[in-house]
PDB file of N, CA and C in Angstrom:
ATOM      1  N   MET A   1    -181.528 187.391  88.802  1.00  0.00           N
ATOM      2  CA  MET A   1    -180.720 187.522  87.772  1.00  0.00           C
ATOM      3  C   MET A   1    -179.738 188.799  87.900  1.00  0.00           C
ATOM      4  N   ASN A   2    -180.143 189.794  88.597  1.00  0.00           N
ATOM      5  CA  ASN A   2    -179.371 190.869  88.829  1.00  0.00           C
ATOM      6  C   ASN A   2    -178.283 190.470  89.747  1.00  0.00           C
ATOM      7  N   MET A   3    -178.632 189.668  90.760  1.00  0.00           N
ATOM      8  CA  MET A   3    -177.577 189.277  91.716  1.00  0.00           C
ATOM      9  C   MET A   3    -176.481 188.470  91.028  1.00  0.00           C
ATOM     10  N   ILE A   4    -176.656 187.694  89.994  1.00  0.00           N
ATOM     11  CA  ILE A   4    -175.720 186.907  89.139  1.00  0.00           C
ATOM     12  C   ILE A   4    -174.792 187.973  88.383  1.00  0.00           C
ATOM     13  N   ILE A   5    -175.533 188.872  87.772  1.00  0.00           N
ATOM     14  CA  ILE A   5    -174.719 189.868  87.205  1.00  0.00           C
ATOM     15  C   ILE A   5    -173.736 190.565  88.149  1.00  0.00           C
ATOM     16  N   LEU A   6    -174.295 191.089  89.217  1.00  0.00           N
ATOM     17  CA  LEU A   6    -173.476 191.569  90.161  1.00  0.00           C
ATOM     18  C   LEU A   6    -172.308 190.961  90.613  1.00  0.00           C
ATOM     19  N   ALA A   7    -172.655 189.654  90.959  1.00  0.00           N
ATOM     20  CA  ALA A   7    -171.588 188.672  91.505  1.00  0.00           C
ATOM     21  C   ALA A   7    -170.321 188.419  90.283  1.00  0.00           C
ATOM     22  N   LEU A   8    -170.827 188.131  89.043  1.00  0.00           N
ATOM     23  CA  LEU A   8    -170.006 187.976  88.001  1.00  0.00           C
ATOM     24  C   LEU A   8    -169.022 189.196  87.768  1.00  0.00           C
ATOM     25  N   SER A   9    -169.607 190.448  87.908  1.00  0.00           N
ATOM     26  CA  SER A   9    -169.059 191.772  87.596  1.00  0.00           C
ATOM     27  C   SER A   9    -167.848 191.921  88.709  1.00  0.00           C
ATOM     28  N   THR A  10    -168.309 191.772  89.979  1.00  0.00           N
ATOM     29  CA  THR A  10    -167.469 191.674  90.989  1.00  0.00           C
ATOM     30  C   THR A  10    -166.330 190.837  90.946  1.00  0.00           C
ATOM     31  N   LEU A  11    -166.555 189.541  90.479  1.00  0.00           N
ATOM     32  CA  LEU A  11    -165.535 188.547  90.444  1.00  0.00           C
ATOM     33  C   LEU A  11    -164.509 189.128  89.178  1.00  0.00           C
ATOM     34  N   SER A  12    -165.225 189.412  88.149  1.00  0.00           N
ATOM     35  CA  SER A  12    -164.290 189.796  87.080  1.00  0.00           C
ATOM     36  C   SER A  12    -163.375 191.004  87.290  1.00  0.00           C
ATOM     37  N   ALA A  13    -164.034 191.973  88.012  1.00  0.00           N
ATOM     38  CA  ALA A  13    -163.081 193.207  88.602  1.00  0.00           C
ATOM     39  C   ALA A  13    -161.930 192.903  89.413  1.00  0.00           C
ATOM     40  N   PHE A  14    -162.213 191.832  90.286  1.00  0.00           N
ATOM     41  CA  PHE A  14    -161.126 191.380  91.204  1.00  0.00           C
ATOM     42  C   PHE A  14    -160.159 190.505  90.343  1.00  0.00           C
ATOM     43  N   LEU A  15    -160.548 189.799  89.463  1.00  0.00           N
ATOM     44  CA  LEU A  15    -159.568 189.091  88.801  1.00  0.00           C
ATOM     45  C   LEU A  15    -158.694 189.983  87.760  1.00  0.00           C
ATOM     46  N   LEU A  16    -159.304 191.045  87.238  1.00  0.00           N
ATOM     47  CA  LEU A  16    -158.539 191.889  86.431  1.00  0.00           C
ATOM     48  C   LEU A  16    -157.734 192.727  87.206  1.00  0.00           C
ATOM     49  N   GLY A  17    -158.105 193.224  88.540  1.00  0.00           N
ATOM     50  CA  GLY A  17    -157.122 193.965  89.499  1.00  0.00           C
ATOM     51  C   GLY A  17    -156.113 192.983  89.902  1.00  0.00           C
ATOM     52  N   SER A  18    -156.380 191.726  90.151  1.00  0.00           N
ATOM     53  CA  SER A  18    -155.296 190.864  90.529  1.00  0.00           C
ATOM     54  C   SER A  18    -154.290 190.658  89.343  1.00  0.00           C
ATOM     55  N   TRP A  19    -154.879 190.403  88.201  1.00  0.00           N
ATOM     56  CA  TRP A  19    -153.684 190.195  86.907  1.00  0.00           C
ATOM     57  C   TRP A  19    -153.024 191.442  86.677  1.00  0.00           C
ATOM     58  N   VAL A  20    -153.579 192.828  86.867  1.00  0.00           N
ATOM     59  CA  VAL A  20    -152.842 193.920  86.554  1.00  0.00           C
ATOM     60  C   VAL A  20    -151.657 194.024  87.609  1.00  0.00           C
ATOM     61  N   THR A  21    -152.062 193.690  88.819  1.00  0.00           N
ATOM     62  CA  THR A  21    -151.050 193.743  89.824  1.00  0.00           C
ATOM     63  C   THR A  21    -149.953 192.833  89.702  1.00  0.00           C
ATOM     64  N   TYR A  22    -150.242 191.676  89.331  1.00  0.00           N
ATOM     65  CA  TYR A  22    -149.246 190.686  89.007  1.00  0.00           C
ATOM     66  C   TYR A  22    -148.315 191.105  87.928  1.00  0.00           C
ATOM     67  N   ARG A  23    -148.925 191.532  86.685  1.00  0.00           N
ATOM     68  CA  ARG A  23    -147.982 191.950  85.675  1.00  0.00           C
ATOM     69  C   ARG A  23    -147.191 193.167  85.927  1.00  0.00           C
ATOM     70  N   ALA A  24    -147.632 194.074  86.889  1.00  0.00           N
ATOM     71  CA  ALA A  24    -147.021 195.272  87.339  1.00  0.00           C
ATOM     72  C   ALA A  24    -145.820 194.695  88.258  1.00  0.00           C
ATOM     73  N   MET A  25    -146.036 193.748  89.075  1.00  0.00           N
ATOM     74  CA  MET A  25    -144.962 193.276  89.790  1.00  0.00           C
ATOM     75  C   MET A  25    -143.937 192.447  88.975  1.00  0.00           C
ATOM     76  N   GLN A  26    -144.220 191.922  88.005  1.00  0.00           N
ATOM     77  CA  GLN A  26    -143.182 191.303  87.139  1.00  0.00           C
ATOM     78  C   GLN A  26    -142.353 192.267  86.428  1.00  0.00           C
ATOM     79  N   ASN A  27    -143.024 193.340  86.034  1.00  0.00           N
ATOM     80  CA  ASN A  27    -142.117 194.299  85.218  1.00  0.00           C
ATOM     81  C   ASN A  27    -141.468 195.314  86.126  1.00  0.00           C
ATOM     82  N   LYS A  28    -141.559 195.313  87.361  1.00  0.00           N
ATOM     83  CA  LYS A  28    -141.061 196.311  88.188  1.00  0.00           C
ATOM     84  C   LYS A  28    -139.408 196.553  88.081  1.00  0.00           C
ATOM     85  N   SER A  29    -138.966 197.793  88.184  1.00  0.00           N
ATOM     86  CA  SER A  29    -137.628 197.871  88.166  1.00  0.00           C
ATOM     87  C   SER A  29    -137.230 198.568  89.551  1.00  0.00           C
ATOM     88  N   SER A  30    -136.021 198.396  89.844  1.00  0.00           N
ATOM     89  CA  SER A  30    -135.540 199.153  91.115  1.00  0.00           C
ATOM     90  C   SER A  30    -135.691 200.707  90.785  1.00  0.00           C
ATOM     91  N   ILE A  31    -135.831 201.235  91.902  1.00  0.00           N
ATOM     92  CA  ILE A  31    -135.710 202.590  91.791  1.00  0.00           C
ATOM     93  C   ILE A  31    -134.175 203.007  92.056  1.00  0.00           C
ATOM     94  N   GLN A  32    -133.597 203.935  91.276  1.00  0.00           N
ATOM     95  CA  GLN A  32    -132.308 204.355  91.328  1.00  0.00           C
ATOM     96  C   GLN A  32    -132.443 205.520  92.347  1.00  0.00           C
ATOM     97  N   ILE A  33    -131.688 205.604  93.298  1.00  0.00           N
ATOM     98  CA  ILE A  33    -131.823 206.754  94.302  1.00  0.00           C
ATOM     99  C   ILE A  33    -130.471 207.698  93.892  1.00  0.00           C
ATOM    100  N   PRO A  34    -130.775 208.786  93.743  1.00  0.00           N
ATOM    101  CA  PRO A  34    -129.578 209.740  93.231  1.00  0.00           C
ATOM    102  C   PRO A  34    -128.461 209.854  94.393  1.00  0.00           C
ATOM    103  N   GLN A  35    -127.377 210.054  93.907  1.00  0.00           N
ATOM    104  CA  GLN A  35    -126.312 210.151  94.951  1.00  0.00           C
ATOM    105  C   GLN A  35    -126.399 211.126  95.962  1.00  0.00           C
ATOM    106  N   ILE A  36    -126.937 212.197  95.486  1.00  0.00           N
ATOM    107  CA  ILE A  36    -127.078 213.477  96.458  1.00  0.00           C
ATOM    108  C   ILE A  36    -128.083 213.041  97.714  1.00  0.00           C
ATOM    109  N   ILE A  37    -129.179 212.173  97.442  1.00  0.00           N
ATOM    110  CA  ILE A  37    -130.096 211.827  98.411  1.00  0.00           C
ATOM    111  C   ILE A  37    -129.508 210.734  99.223  1.00  0.00           C
ATOM    112  N   LYS A  38    -128.772 209.887  98.611  1.00  0.00           N
ATOM    113  CA  LYS A  38    -128.028 208.829  99.291  1.00  0.00           C
ATOM    114  C   LYS A  38    -127.153 209.247 100.377  1.00  0.00           C
ATOM    115  N   ASP A  39    -126.289 210.194 100.051  1.00  0.00           N
ATOM    116  CA  ASP A  39    -125.273 210.733 100.989  1.00  0.00           C
ATOM    117  C   ASP A  39    -125.929 211.452 102.217  1.00  0.00           C
ATOM    118  N   THR A  40    -127.180 212.152 101.905  1.00  0.00           N
ATOM    119  CA  THR A  40    -127.834 212.754 103.118  1.00  0.00           C
ATOM    120  C   THR A  40    -128.473 211.978 104.163  1.00  0.00           C
ATOM    121  N   THR A  41    -128.995 210.635 103.410  1.00  0.00           N
ATOM    122  CA  THR A  41    -129.535 209.761 104.336  1.00  0.00           C
ATOM    123  C   THR A  41    -128.706 208.897 105.211  1.00  0.00           C
ATOM    124  N   ASP A  42    -127.469 208.800 104.729  1.00  0.00           N
ATOM    125  CA  ASP A  42    -126.484 208.082 105.583  1.00  0.00           C
ATOM    126  C   ASP A  42    -126.165 208.849 106.817  1.00  0.00           C
ATOM    127  N   ASP A  43    -126.154 210.040 106.821  1.00  0.00           N
ATOM    128  CA  ASP A  43    -125.774 210.961 107.975  1.00  0.00           C
ATOM    129  C   ASP A  43    -126.812 211.054 109.173  1.00  0.00           C
ATOM    130  N   LEU A  44    -128.068 210.717 108.780  1.00  0.00           N
ATOM    131  CA  LEU A  44    -129.124 210.858 109.676  1.00  0.00           C
ATOM    132  C   LEU A  44    -129.139 209.722 110.733  1.00  0.00           C
ATOM    133  N   PRO A  45    -129.191 209.970 111.958  1.00  0.00           N
ATOM    134  CA  PRO A  45    -129.252 208.780 113.032  1.00  0.00           C
ATOM    135  C   PRO A  45    -130.495 208.013 112.852  1.00  0.00           C
ATOM    136  N   GLY A  46    -130.388 206.831 113.393  1.00  0.00           N
ATOM    137  CA  GLY A  46    -131.526 205.855 113.225  1.00  0.00           C
ATOM    138  C   GLY A  46    -132.605 206.385 114.351  1.00  0.00           C
ATOM    139  N   PRO A  47    -133.783 206.017 114.226  1.00  0.00           N
ATOM    140  CA  PRO A  47    -134.835 206.315 115.298  1.00  0.00           C
ATOM    141  C   PRO A  47    -134.447 205.655 116.592  1.00  0.00           C
ATOM    142  N   ILE A  48    -134.983 206.267 117.699  1.00  0.00           N
ATOM    143  CA  ILE A  48    -134.555 205.888 119.003  1.00  0.00           C
ATOM    144  C   ILE A  48    -135.798 205.377 119.760  1.00  0.00           C
ATOM    145  N   SER A  49    -135.910 204.149 119.931  1.00  0.00           N
ATOM    146  CA  SER A  49    -137.250 203.961 120.705  1.00  0.00           C
ATOM    147  C   SER A  49    -137.331 204.188 122.066  1.00  0.00           C
ATOM    148  N   PRO A  50    -138.516 204.209 122.633  1.00  0.00           N
ATOM    149  CA  PRO A  50    -138.486 204.531 124.239  1.00  0.00           C
ATOM    150  C   PRO A  50    -137.892 203.215 124.863  1.00  0.00           C
ATOM    151  N   TYR A  51    -137.994 202.124 124.353  1.00  0.00           N
ATOM    152  CA  TYR A  51    -137.087 201.117 125.205  1.00  0.00           C
ATOM    153  C   TYR A  51    -135.649 201.262 125.218  1.00  0.00           C
ATOM    154  N   GLU A  52    -135.005 201.867 123.940  1.00  0.00           N
ATOM    155  CA  GLU A  52    -133.599 202.007 123.817  1.00  0.00           C
ATOM    156  C   GLU A  52    -133.320 203.055 124.851  1.00  0.00           C
ATOM    157  N   GLU A  53    -134.035 204.054 124.965  1.00  0.00           N
ATOM    158  CA  GLU A  53    -133.837 205.337 125.980  1.00  0.00           C
ATOM    159  C   GLU A  53    -133.889 204.709 127.342  1.00  0.00           C
ATOM    160  N   GLN A  54    -134.654 203.850 127.635  1.00  0.00           N
ATOM    161  CA  GLN A  54    -134.787 203.264 129.019  1.00  0.00           C
ATOM    162  C   GLN A  54    -133.439 202.333 129.182  1.00  0.00           C
ATOM    163  N   GLU A  55    -133.030 201.736 128.246  1.00  0.00           N
ATOM    164  CA  GLU A  55    -131.922 200.853 128.363  1.00  0.00           C
ATOM    165  C   GLU A  55    -130.727 201.909 128.587  1.00  0.00           C
ATOM    166  N   LYS A  56    -130.568 202.975 127.885  1.00  0.00           N
ATOM    167  CA  LYS A  56    -129.459 203.986 128.188  1.00  0.00           C
ATOM    168  C   LYS A  56    -129.449 204.459 129.521  1.00  0.00           C
ATOM    169  N   ALA A  57    -130.558 204.845 129.947  1.00  0.00           N
ATOM    170  CA  ALA A  57    -130.703 205.196 131.353  1.00  0.00           C
ATOM    171  C   ALA A  57    -130.284 204.312 132.429  1.00  0.00           C
ATOM    172  N   ARG A  58    -130.694 202.998 132.251  1.00  0.00           N
ATOM    173  CA  ARG A  58    -130.318 202.093 133.154  1.00  0.00           C
ATOM    174  C   ARG A  58    -128.858 201.749 133.123  1.00  0.00           C
ATOM    175  N   ARG A  59    -128.159 201.772 131.905  1.00  0.00           N
ATOM    176  CA  ARG A  59    -126.723 201.638 131.792  1.00  0.00           C
ATOM    177  C   ARG A  59    -125.930 202.874 132.643  1.00  0.00           C
ATOM    178  N   ILE A  60    -126.436 204.071 132.496  1.00  0.00           N
ATOM    179  CA  ILE A  60    -125.732 205.142 132.958  1.00  0.00           C
ATOM    180  C   ILE A  60    -126.015 204.998 134.612  1.00  0.00           C
ATOM    181  N   LYS A  61    -127.088 204.578 135.137  1.00  0.00           N
ATOM    182  CA  LYS A  61    -127.316 204.453 136.534  1.00  0.00           C
ATOM    183  C   LYS A  61    -126.345 203.315 137.104  1.00  0.00           C
ATOM    184  N   VAL A  62    -126.185 202.249 136.312  1.00  0.00           N
ATOM    185  CA  VAL A  62    -125.180 201.153 136.834  1.00  0.00           C
ATOM    186  C   VAL A  62    -123.901 201.744 136.724  1.00  0.00           C
ATOM    187  N   LYS A  63    -123.465 202.444 135.875  1.00  0.00           N
ATOM    188  CA  LYS A  63    -121.828 202.893 135.821  1.00  0.00           C
ATOM    189  C   LYS A  63    -121.828 203.776 136.792  1.00  0.00           C
ATOM    190  N   ILE A  64    -122.668 204.760 137.359  1.00  0.00           N
ATOM    191  CA  ILE A  64    -122.416 205.730 138.413  1.00  0.00           C
ATOM    192  C   ILE A  64    -122.323 204.871 139.857  1.00  0.00           C
TER     193      ILE A  64
END
């Protein structure tokens, strides 16, 4: 009997969490980024991966 109660309570908690998440995603609004923050993020360079650094090194060696 205890196992049935545990299983039903776990199922109900999962379904309640899923329903709350679904309702929250339906009512979400886009976040407005202030203009000051937007201007500073445009000036930042993108991340450079090790692969891109190796490609730059290869291009320099070929040009010389």
